């Protein structure tokens, strides 16, 4: 039988998960209008800002090999967002992708303001260095070096180095160094958004991808929820709405809106925990190969 193959079993599993997408959308709508007056600690808020990007992780469809990009779909860019929730405006966050020969650097960094800045909190820097290796007319993402820093909290720092000859990642977290071997290709959690910007160019329903996150490899699930027009400080954009979460369940969920008109850059991101909004990121400035737009001075 066809279902006796691992590939077929995986497809059946993913299709069953996709069946619940519409149920989830209804629950999200209900939660969106629920009363959300409970305060959130600065530390938790900042962690969720980072996770708003870091959980944007998947493969593109059951018919496509994970981690592969189409040549020509990757180009340098810089994006700046306003970061807030329903209670406070935390500052701004920037995503930049630069190229130096065959090494690409992708970085996420925040600039706090207001009470968060006065508290000496809010500075996050996450960096992924990667290469795009040509394989059968496609580009394979190969993470090289990954790092994470939050304020001066050394216990939250993460450093990881990927070795593609031994298929292993050596990481340092909370003073402990470990080496993890992987059977199938993986990427770090920040590099995964580059993969996602390519993935949304193709139709998919539900996908899973193994990702290195903090100090271990996790399976993450991506759900395509279709097209939606969203408002940002820079105006309206027609987008593709994607939800991602841990494949084995969890309390956190991230929704990202990718806009085809600006080369599939994320123009809006929201992160929720147990259905309640924790962090929102709205587009303020964009500079890429298609356009250069920014919010006019007030």
Foldseek 3Di string as FASTA:
>chain_A
DVCVDPLNVVQVVQVVVLVCPVVVVVVLVVLVPDDDPDDDDPVVLLVQVVVLQLQLFFAQASVDDGQKFAPPLDFWKKFKWFKDAPPDGFFMKMWTWDDDPQKIKIKIWGDGDDPCVVVQFRTKIKMWIWGFDDDPNITGTDTAWIWIDTRPPQQQIKIWGADPVQQWIWMAHSRDIDIDHDDDDEEASNCRVSNVLRSVVDDHAKGWGWHDYRHDTFIKMKGWPAWDWDQFLQGIAIWTWMKMDGPVDFQKIKIWTFGVQQSRDTQKMFMGGNSGTSMIIGTAWMDTPRDTDGRDDD
